[in-house]
Amino acid sequence: MKNRKLVLVSDTGYHQEHDDLLRSVLDEGYELFCVVGVDCELWEEAMDEVAVGDGSDPRYITTTSHPGETENEVIEFAKMFAISGSSGVHVVRI
């Protein structure tokens, strides 16, 4: 089973140089991108912008940010979130 859900735990905050990481999440076919921690709302906004790009070839991914929630709460949310097939949750810390 390939993971199609990703929870990013941000300890350092968002920086524009993280856009390559966001592109790799899209390239790997994730369907759900959840962010918790420092700058979680900025991370979500950046992923939305990377996914849309210049509009000529937008890529689909559901994004959520979780200010004020715990890592465990967000992982549980991701586990319960319905996507096209079965999937585990990949947790990334940055």
PDB file of N, CA and C in Angstrom:
ATOM      1  N   MET A   1       0.847  -1.180   0.000  1.00  0.00           N
ATOM      2  CA  MET A   1       0.000   0.000   0.000  1.00  0.00           C
ATOM      3  C   MET A   1       0.890   1.240   0.000  1.00  0.00           C
ATOM      4  N   LYS A   2       0.692   2.092  -0.980  1.00  0.00           N
ATOM      5  CA  LYS A   2       1.467   3.327  -1.067  1.00  0.00           C
ATOM      6  C   LYS A   2       0.741   4.431  -0.307  1.00  0.00           C
ATOM      7  N   ASN A   3       1.506   5.166   0.481  1.00  0.00           N
ATOM      8  CA  ASN A   3       0.914   6.280   1.215  1.00  0.00           C
ATOM      9  C   ASN A   3       0.487   7.376   0.254  1.00  0.00           C
ATOM     10  N   ARG A   4      -0.752   7.851   0.427  1.00  0.00           N
ATOM     11  CA  ARG A   4      -1.297   8.951  -0.375  1.00  0.00           C
ATOM     12  C   ARG A   4      -1.671  10.132   0.506  1.00  0.00           C
ATOM     13  N   LYS A   5      -1.359   9.998   1.815  1.00  0.00           N
ATOM     14  CA  LYS A   5      -1.660  11.062   2.774  1.00  0.00           C
ATOM     15  C   LYS A   5      -0.365  11.462   3.459  1.00  0.00           C
ATOM     16  N   LEU A   6      -0.126  12.767   3.541  1.00  0.00           N
ATOM     17  CA  LEU A   6       1.093  13.256   4.169  1.00  0.00           C
ATOM     18  C   LEU A   6       0.743  14.293   5.233  1.00  0.00           C
ATOM     19  N   VAL A   7       1.334  14.122   6.401  1.00  0.00           N
ATOM     20  CA  VAL A   7       1.240  15.128   7.462  1.00  0.00           C
ATOM     21  C   VAL A   7       2.621  15.727   7.622  1.00  0.00           C
ATOM     22  N   LEU A   8       2.708  17.034   7.412  1.00  0.00           N
ATOM     23  CA  LEU A   8       3.969  17.742   7.601  1.00  0.00           C
ATOM     24  C   LEU A   8       3.923  18.420   8.968  1.00  0.00           C
ATOM     25  N   VAL A   9       4.909  18.108   9.793  1.00  0.00           N
ATOM     26  CA  VAL A   9       5.043  18.725  11.110  1.00  0.00           C
ATOM     27  C   VAL A   9       6.150  19.769  10.983  1.00  0.00           C
ATOM     28  N   SER A  10       5.758  21.035  11.055  1.00  0.00           N
ATOM     29  CA  SER A  10       6.701  22.129  10.836  1.00  0.00           C
ATOM     30  C   SER A  10       7.256  22.628  12.169  1.00  0.00           C
ATOM     31  N   ASP A  11       8.535  22.375  12.367  1.00  0.00           N
ATOM     32  CA  ASP A  11       9.230  22.903  13.543  1.00  0.00           C
ATOM     33  C   ASP A  11       9.974  24.193  13.213  1.00  0.00           C
ATOM     34  N   THR A  12      10.320  24.377  11.937  1.00  0.00           N
ATOM     35  CA  THR A  12      11.169  25.494  11.524  1.00  0.00           C
ATOM     36  C   THR A  12      10.412  26.606  10.824  1.00  0.00           C
ATOM     37  N   GLY A  13       9.227  26.336  10.313  1.00  0.00           N
ATOM     38  CA  GLY A  13       8.470  27.328   9.562  1.00  0.00           C
ATOM     39  C   GLY A  13       8.712  27.203   8.071  1.00  0.00           C
ATOM     40  N   TYR A  14       7.852  27.862   7.305  1.00  0.00           N
ATOM     41  CA  TYR A  14       7.933  27.826   5.851  1.00  0.00           C
ATOM     42  C   TYR A  14       8.960  28.832   5.337  1.00  0.00           C
ATOM     43  N   HIS A  15       9.732  28.400   4.326  1.00  0.00           N
ATOM     44  CA  HIS A  15      10.641  29.267   3.577  1.00  0.00           C
ATOM     45  C   HIS A  15      10.499  28.898   2.102  1.00  0.00           C
ATOM     46  N   GLN A  16      10.646  29.851   1.230  1.00  0.00           N
ATOM     47  CA  GLN A  16      10.437  29.614  -0.202  1.00  0.00           C
ATOM     48  C   GLN A  16      11.308  28.472  -0.740  1.00  0.00           C
ATOM     49  N   GLU A  17      12.472  28.257  -0.143  1.00  0.00           N
ATOM     50  CA  GLU A  17      13.324  27.156  -0.619  1.00  0.00           C
ATOM     51  C   GLU A  17      12.711  25.786  -0.356  1.00  0.00           C
ATOM     52  N   HIS A  18      11.612  25.723   0.396  1.00  0.00           N
ATOM     53  CA  HIS A  18      10.907  24.455   0.625  1.00  0.00           C
ATOM     54  C   HIS A  18       9.990  24.083  -0.538  1.00  0.00           C
ATOM     55  N   ASP A  19       9.873  24.950  -1.541  1.00  0.00           N
ATOM     56  CA  ASP A  19       8.971  24.670  -2.657  1.00  0.00           C
ATOM     57  C   ASP A  19       9.356  23.394  -3.408  1.00  0.00           C
ATOM     58  N   ASP A  20      10.647  23.049  -3.449  1.00  0.00           N
ATOM     59  CA  ASP A  20      11.048  21.782  -4.084  1.00  0.00           C
ATOM     60  C   ASP A  20      10.452  20.598  -3.344  1.00  0.00           C
ATOM     61  N   LEU A  21      10.406  20.661  -2.024  1.00  0.00           N
ATOM     62  CA  LEU A  21       9.766  19.610  -1.231  1.00  0.00           C
ATOM     63  C   LEU A  21       8.284  19.520  -1.583  1.00  0.00           C
ATOM     64  N   LEU A  22       7.629  20.663  -1.700  1.00  0.00           N
ATOM     65  CA  LEU A  22       6.208  20.667  -2.039  1.00  0.00           C
ATOM     66  C   LEU A  22       5.970  20.073  -3.421  1.00  0.00           C
ATOM     67  N   ARG A  23       6.820  20.406  -4.375  1.00  0.00           N
ATOM     68  CA  ARG A  23       6.700  19.820  -5.721  1.00  0.00           C
ATOM     69  C   ARG A  23       6.888  18.304  -5.671  1.00  0.00           C
ATOM     70  N   SER A  24       7.795  17.832  -4.832  1.00  0.00           N
ATOM     71  CA  SER A  24       8.023  16.380  -4.734  1.00  0.00           C
ATOM     72  C   SER A  24       6.800  15.674  -4.152  1.00  0.00           C
ATOM     73  N   VAL A  25       6.084  16.331  -3.249  1.00  0.00           N
ATOM     74  CA  VAL A  25       4.853  15.751  -2.705  1.00  0.00           C
ATOM     75  C   VAL A  25       3.839  15.558  -3.831  1.00  0.00           C
ATOM     76  N   LEU A  26       3.726  16.536  -4.701  1.00  0.00           N
ATOM     77  CA  LEU A  26       2.838  16.415  -5.860  1.00  0.00           C
ATOM     78  C   LEU A  26       3.316  15.328  -6.811  1.00  0.00           C
ATOM     79  N   ASP A  27       4.610  15.308  -7.091  1.00  0.00           N
ATOM     80  CA  ASP A  27       5.181  14.327  -8.018  1.00  0.00           C
ATOM     81  C   ASP A  27       4.986  12.895  -7.529  1.00  0.00           C
ATOM     82  N   GLU A  28       4.982  12.703  -6.215  1.00  0.00           N
ATOM     83  CA  GLU A  28       4.823  11.364  -5.641  1.00  0.00           C
ATOM     84  C   GLU A  28       3.361  10.929  -5.556  1.00  0.00           C
ATOM     85  N   GLY A  29       2.445  11.788  -5.947  1.00  0.00           N
ATOM     86  CA  GLY A  29       1.043  11.405  -6.051  1.00  0.00           C
ATOM     87  C   GLY A  29       0.233  11.463  -4.769  1.00  0.00           C
ATOM     88  N   TYR A  30       0.676  12.225  -3.800  1.00  0.00           N
ATOM     89  CA  TYR A  30      -0.122  12.361  -2.578  1.00  0.00           C
ATOM     90  C   TYR A  30      -1.438  13.050  -2.911  1.00  0.00           C
ATOM     91  N   GLU A  31      -2.497  12.632  -2.215  1.00  0.00           N
ATOM     92  CA  GLU A  31      -3.819  13.212  -2.410  1.00  0.00           C
ATOM     93  C   GLU A  31      -4.219  14.134  -1.264  1.00  0.00           C
ATOM     94  N   LEU A  32      -3.569  13.982  -0.105  1.00  0.00           N
ATOM     95  CA  LEU A  32      -3.883  14.793   1.065  1.00  0.00           C
ATOM     96  C   LEU A  32      -2.596  15.322   1.664  1.00  0.00           C
ATOM     97  N   PHE A  33      -2.561  16.634   1.912  1.00  0.00           N
ATOM     98  CA  PHE A  33      -1.411  17.309   2.499  1.00  0.00           C
ATOM     99  C   PHE A  33      -1.911  18.102   3.695  1.00  0.00           C
ATOM    100  N   CYS A  34      -1.567  17.642   4.900  1.00  0.00           N
ATOM    101  CA  CYS A  34      -1.960  18.305   6.143  1.00  0.00           C
ATOM    102  C   CYS A  34      -0.717  18.895   6.792  1.00  0.00           C
ATOM    103  N   VAL A  35      -0.871  20.079   7.373  1.00  0.00           N
ATOM    104  CA  VAL A  35       0.271  20.732   8.015  1.00  0.00           C
ATOM    105  C   VAL A  35      -0.120  21.171   9.413  1.00  0.00           C
ATOM    106  N   VAL A  36       0.800  20.923  10.356  1.00  0.00           N
ATOM    107  CA  VAL A  36       0.630  21.362  11.730  1.00  0.00           C
ATOM    108  C   VAL A  36       1.953  21.951  12.193  1.00  0.00           C
ATOM    109  N   GLY A  37       1.877  22.940  13.067  1.00  0.00           N
ATOM    110  CA  GLY A  37       3.101  23.528  13.612  1.00  0.00           C
ATOM    111  C   GLY A  37       3.344  24.932  13.094  1.00  0.00           C
ATOM    112  N   VAL A  38       4.604  25.333  13.150  1.00  0.00           N
ATOM    113  CA  VAL A  38       5.015  26.699  12.802  1.00  0.00           C
ATOM    114  C   VAL A  38       4.660  27.015  11.343  1.00  0.00           C
ATOM    115  N   ASP A  39       3.990  28.125  11.143  1.00  0.00           N
ATOM    116  CA  ASP A  39       3.615  28.606   9.799  1.00  0.00           C
ATOM    117  C   ASP A  39       2.713  27.639   9.034  1.00  0.00           C
ATOM    118  N   CYS A  40       1.918  26.822   9.742  1.00  0.00           N
ATOM    119  CA  CYS A  40       1.145  25.808   9.030  1.00  0.00           C
ATOM    120  C   CYS A  40       0.238  26.413   7.963  1.00  0.00           C
ATOM    121  N   GLU A  41      -0.336  27.576   8.216  1.00  0.00           N
ATOM    122  CA  GLU A  41      -1.199  28.196   7.217  1.00  0.00           C
ATOM    123  C   GLU A  41      -0.404  28.680   6.003  1.00  0.00           C
ATOM    124  N   LEU A  42       0.816  29.150   6.222  1.00  0.00           N
ATOM    125  CA  LEU A  42       1.679  29.543   5.099  1.00  0.00           C
ATOM    126  C   LEU A  42       2.076  28.331   4.264  1.00  0.00           C
ATOM    127  N   TRP A  43       2.379  27.219   4.930  1.00  0.00           N
ATOM    128  CA  TRP A  43       2.698  25.981   4.219  1.00  0.00           C
ATOM    129  C   TRP A  43       1.528  25.579   3.308  1.00  0.00           C
ATOM    130  N   GLU A  44       0.309  25.626   3.862  1.00  0.00           N
ATOM    131  CA  GLU A  44      -0.863  25.238   3.065  1.00  0.00           C
ATOM    132  C   GLU A  44      -1.025  26.164   1.862  1.00  0.00           C
ATOM    133  N   GLU A  45      -0.900  27.453   2.083  1.00  0.00           N
ATOM    134  CA  GLU A  45      -1.022  28.414   0.993  1.00  0.00           C
ATOM    135  C   GLU A  45       0.052  28.184  -0.077  1.00  0.00           C
ATOM    136  N   ALA A  46       1.277  27.908   0.363  1.00  0.00           N
ATOM    137  CA  ALA A  46       2.375  27.651  -0.587  1.00  0.00           C
ATOM    138  C   ALA A  46       2.094  26.398  -1.410  1.00  0.00           C
ATOM    139  N   MET A  47       1.584  25.346  -0.762  1.00  0.00           N
ATOM    140  CA  MET A  47       1.260  24.122  -1.511  1.00  0.00           C
ATOM    141  C   MET A  47       0.167  24.396  -2.527  1.00  0.00           C
ATOM    142  N   ASP A  48      -0.841  25.156  -2.151  1.00  0.00           N
ATOM    143  CA  ASP A  48      -1.894  25.501  -3.106  1.00  0.00           C
ATOM    144  C   ASP A  48      -1.318  26.237  -4.310  1.00  0.00           C
ATOM    145  N   GLU A  49      -0.411  27.176  -4.059  1.00  0.00           N
ATOM    146  CA  GLU A  49       0.197  27.934  -5.149  1.00  0.00           C
ATOM    147  C   GLU A  49       1.075  27.053  -6.034  1.00  0.00           C
ATOM    148  N   VAL A  50       1.837  26.154  -5.439  1.00  0.00           N
ATOM    149  CA  VAL A  50       2.679  25.242  -6.226  1.00  0.00           C
ATOM    150  C   VAL A  50       1.800  24.316  -7.068  1.00  0.00           C
ATOM    151  N   ALA A  51       0.702  23.833  -6.495  1.00  0.00           N
ATOM    152  CA  ALA A  51      -0.183  22.916  -7.217  1.00  0.00           C
ATOM    153  C   ALA A  51      -0.843  23.595  -8.415  1.00  0.00           C
ATOM    154  N   VAL A  52      -1.216  24.849  -8.270  1.00  0.00           N
ATOM    155  CA  VAL A  52      -1.871  25.573  -9.364  1.00  0.00           C
ATOM    156  C   VAL A  52      -0.846  26.056 -10.386  1.00  0.00           C
ATOM    157  N   GLY A  53       0.334  26.436  -9.923  1.00  0.00           N
ATOM    158  CA  GLY A  53       1.377  26.923 -10.828  1.00  0.00           C
ATOM    159  C   GLY A  53       0.889  28.139 -11.600  1.00  0.00           C
ATOM    160  N   ASP A  54       1.200  28.180 -12.882  1.00  0.00           N
ATOM    161  CA  ASP A  54       0.757  29.303 -13.712  1.00  0.00           C
ATOM    162  C   ASP A  54      -0.641  29.066 -14.281  1.00  0.00           C
ATOM    163  N   GLY A  55      -1.264  27.955 -13.890  1.00  0.00           N
ATOM    164  CA  GLY A  55      -2.617  27.648 -14.324  1.00  0.00           C
ATOM    165  C   GLY A  55      -2.701  26.787 -15.563  1.00  0.00           C
ATOM    166  N   SER A  56      -1.573  26.576 -16.244  1.00  0.00           N
ATOM    167  CA  SER A  56      -1.604  25.801 -17.483  1.00  0.00           C
ATOM    168  C   SER A  56      -1.660  24.292 -17.232  1.00  0.00           C
ATOM    169  N   ASP A  57      -1.212  23.844 -16.073  1.00  0.00           N
ATOM    170  CA  ASP A  57      -1.220  22.409 -15.753  1.00  0.00           C
ATOM    171  C   ASP A  57      -1.415  22.225 -14.243  1.00  0.00           C
ATOM    172  N   PRO A  58      -2.585  22.637 -13.721  1.00  0.00           N
ATOM    173  CA  PRO A  58      -2.800  22.526 -12.279  1.00  0.00           C
ATOM    174  C   PRO A  58      -2.839  21.074 -11.825  1.00  0.00           C
ATOM    175  N   ARG A  59      -2.405  20.847 -10.596  1.00  0.00           N
ATOM    176  CA  ARG A  59      -2.373  19.499 -10.034  1.00  0.00           C
ATOM    177  C   ARG A  59      -3.302  19.476  -8.833  1.00  0.00           C
ATOM    178  N   TYR A  60      -3.996  18.365  -8.657  1.00  0.00           N
ATOM    179  CA  TYR A  60      -4.982  18.263  -7.592  1.00  0.00           C
ATOM    180  C   TYR A  60      -4.372  17.665  -6.327  1.00  0.00           C
ATOM    181  N   ILE A  61      -4.601  18.333  -5.204  1.00  0.00           N
ATOM    182  CA  ILE A  61      -4.269  17.802  -3.892  1.00  0.00           C
ATOM    183  C   ILE A  61      -5.142  18.545  -2.879  1.00  0.00           C
ATOM    184  N   THR A  62      -5.669  17.822  -1.914  1.00  0.00           N
ATOM    185  CA  THR A  62      -6.420  18.449  -0.833  1.00  0.00           C
ATOM    186  C   THR A  62      -5.422  18.917   0.213  1.00  0.00           C
ATOM    187  N   THR A  63      -5.541  20.187   0.614  1.00  0.00           N
ATOM    188  CA  THR A  63      -4.620  20.743   1.606  1.00  0.00           C
ATOM    189  C   THR A  63      -5.401  21.199   2.831  1.00  0.00           C
ATOM    190  N   THR A  64      -4.810  20.996   3.994  1.00  0.00           N
ATOM    191  CA  THR A  64      -5.405  21.477   5.244  1.00  0.00           C
ATOM    192  C   THR A  64      -4.293  21.962   6.161  1.00  0.00           C
ATOM    193  N   SER A  65      -4.594  23.011   6.921  1.00  0.00           N
ATOM    194  CA  SER A  65      -3.658  23.459   7.954  1.00  0.00           C
ATOM    195  C   SER A  65      -4.387  23.395   9.289  1.00  0.00           C
ATOM    196  N   HIS A  66      -3.621  23.164  10.347  1.00  0.00           N
ATOM    197  CA  HIS A  66      -4.215  22.874  11.649  1.00  0.00           C
ATOM    198  C   HIS A  66      -3.557  23.678  12.773  1.00  0.00           C
ATOM    199  N   PRO A  67      -3.755  25.019  12.753  1.00  0.00           N
ATOM    200  CA  PRO A  67      -3.176  25.821  13.837  1.00  0.00           C
ATOM    201  C   PRO A  67      -3.840  25.463  15.165  1.00  0.00           C
ATOM    202  N   GLY A  68      -3.039  25.374  16.196  1.00  0.00           N
ATOM    203  CA  GLY A  68      -3.564  25.103  17.523  1.00  0.00           C
ATOM    204  C   GLY A  68      -3.895  23.655  17.802  1.00  0.00           C
ATOM    205  N   GLU A  69      -3.651  22.770  16.842  1.00  0.00           N
ATOM    206  CA  GLU A  69      -3.905  21.344  17.053  1.00  0.00           C
ATOM    207  C   GLU A  69      -2.590  20.623  17.318  1.00  0.00           C
ATOM    208  N   THR A  70      -2.691  19.441  17.890  1.00  0.00           N
ATOM    209  CA  THR A  70      -1.497  18.645  18.152  1.00  0.00           C
ATOM    210  C   THR A  70      -1.173  17.775  16.943  1.00  0.00           C
ATOM    211  N   GLU A  71       0.054  17.334  16.910  1.00  0.00           N
ATOM    212  CA  GLU A  71       0.490  16.411  15.854  1.00  0.00           C
ATOM    213  C   GLU A  71      -0.408  15.174  15.820  1.00  0.00           C
ATOM    214  N   ASN A  72      -0.692  14.607  16.972  1.00  0.00           N
ATOM    215  CA  ASN A  72      -1.522  13.402  17.028  1.00  0.00           C
ATOM    216  C   ASN A  72      -2.932  13.652  16.513  1.00  0.00           C
ATOM    217  N   GLU A  73      -3.500  14.812  16.816  1.00  0.00           N
ATOM    218  CA  GLU A  73      -4.834  15.139  16.314  1.00  0.00           C
ATOM    219  C   GLU A  73      -4.844  15.194  14.790  1.00  0.00           C
ATOM    220  N   VAL A  74      -3.803  15.765  14.222  1.00  0.00           N
ATOM    221  CA  VAL A  74      -3.742  15.906  12.771  1.00  0.00           C
ATOM    222  C   VAL A  74      -3.507  14.548  12.106  1.00  0.00           C
ATOM    223  N   ILE A  75      -2.694  13.720  12.700  1.00  0.00           N
ATOM    224  CA  ILE A  75      -2.488  12.368  12.163  1.00  0.00           C
ATOM    225  C   ILE A  75      -3.793  11.590  12.191  1.00  0.00           C
ATOM    226  N   GLU A  76      -4.541  11.696  13.263  1.00  0.00           N
ATOM    227  CA  GLU A  76      -5.839  11.017  13.349  1.00  0.00           C
ATOM    228  C   GLU A  76      -6.807  11.561  12.300  1.00  0.00           C
ATOM    229  N   PHE A  77      -6.804  12.883  12.104  1.00  0.00           N
ATOM    230  CA  PHE A  77      -7.623  13.491  11.057  1.00  0.00           C
ATOM    231  C   PHE A  77      -7.270  12.883   9.698  1.00  0.00           C
ATOM    232  N   ALA A  78      -5.968  12.809   9.402  1.00  0.00           N
ATOM    233  CA  ALA A  78      -5.524  12.271   8.114  1.00  0.00           C
ATOM    234  C   ALA A  78      -5.938  10.808   7.957  1.00  0.00           C
ATOM    235  N   LYS A  79      -5.824  10.033   9.018  1.00  0.00           N
ATOM    236  CA  LYS A  79      -6.230   8.622   8.953  1.00  0.00           C
ATOM    237  C   LYS A  79      -7.704   8.491   8.582  1.00  0.00           C
ATOM    238  N   MET A  80      -8.530   9.386   9.100  1.00  0.00           N
ATOM    239  CA  MET A  80      -9.975   9.317   8.892  1.00  0.00           C
ATOM    240  C   MET A  80     -10.419   9.942   7.563  1.00  0.00           C
ATOM    241  N   PHE A  81      -9.555  10.747   6.949  1.00  0.00           N
ATOM    242  CA  PHE A  81      -9.921  11.466   5.726  1.00  0.00           C
ATOM    243  C   PHE A  81     -10.039  10.496   4.557  1.00  0.00           C
ATOM    244  N   ALA A  82     -11.161  10.526   3.862  1.00  0.00           N
ATOM    245  CA  ALA A  82     -11.399   9.615   2.743  1.00  0.00           C
ATOM    246  C   ALA A  82     -10.710  10.112   1.474  1.00  0.00           C
ATOM    247  N   ILE A  83      -9.986   9.215   0.820  1.00  0.00           N
ATOM    248  CA  ILE A  83      -9.383   9.491  -0.487  1.00  0.00           C
ATOM    249  C   ILE A  83      -9.775   8.363  -1.433  1.00  0.00           C
ATOM    250  N   SER A  84      -9.218   8.349  -2.632  1.00  0.00           N
ATOM    251  CA  SER A  84      -9.652   7.412  -3.670  1.00  0.00           C
ATOM    252  C   SER A  84      -9.362   5.946  -3.366  1.00  0.00           C
ATOM    253  N   GLY A  85      -8.378   5.656  -2.530  1.00  0.00           N
ATOM    254  CA  GLY A  85      -8.053   4.273  -2.194  1.00  0.00           C
ATOM    255  C   GLY A  85      -7.580   4.187  -0.760  1.00  0.00           C
ATOM    256  N   SER A  86      -7.139   3.018  -0.368  1.00  0.00           N
ATOM    257  CA  SER A  86      -6.627   2.879   0.995  1.00  0.00           C
ATOM    258  C   SER A  86      -5.210   3.446   1.069  1.00  0.00           C
ATOM    259  N   SER A  87      -4.873   3.975   2.233  1.00  0.00           N
ATOM    260  CA  SER A  87      -3.564   4.612   2.386  1.00  0.00           C
ATOM    261  C   SER A  87      -3.208   4.737   3.854  1.00  0.00           C
ATOM    262  N   GLY A  88      -1.932   4.617   4.107  1.00  0.00           N
ATOM    263  CA  GLY A  88      -1.413   4.971   5.407  1.00  0.00           C
ATOM    264  C   GLY A  88      -1.118   6.465   5.413  1.00  0.00           C
ATOM    265  N   VAL A  89      -0.536   6.943   6.506  1.00  0.00           N
ATOM    266  CA  VAL A  89      -0.188   8.346   6.636  1.00  0.00           C
ATOM    267  C   VAL A  89       1.320   8.458   6.788  1.00  0.00           C
ATOM    268  N   HIS A  90       1.940   9.225   5.909  1.00  0.00           N
ATOM    269  CA  HIS A  90       3.380   9.485   5.962  1.00  0.00           C
ATOM    270  C   HIS A  90       3.566  10.795   6.741  1.00  0.00           C
ATOM    271  N   VAL A  91       4.379  10.753   7.789  1.00  0.00           N
ATOM    272  CA  VAL A  91       4.631  11.944   8.594  1.00  0.00           C
ATOM    273  C   VAL A  91       6.050  12.436   8.300  1.00  0.00           C
ATOM    274  N   VAL A  92       6.157  13.724   7.968  1.00  0.00           N
ATOM    275  CA  VAL A  92       7.431  14.354   7.664  1.00  0.00           C
ATOM    276  C   VAL A  92       7.634  15.504   8.638  1.00  0.00           C
ATOM    277  N   ARG A  93       8.828  15.571   9.223  1.00  0.00           N
ATOM    278  CA  ARG A  93       9.184  16.679  10.119  1.00  0.00           C
ATOM    279  C   ARG A  93      10.198  17.574   9.431  1.00  0.00           C
ATOM    280  N   ILE A  94       9.954  18.868   9.552  1.00  0.00           N
ATOM    281  CA  ILE A  94      10.907  19.813   8.968  1.00  0.00           C
ATOM    282  C   ILE A  94      11.029  21.032   9.863  1.00  0.00           C
TER     283      ILE A  94
END
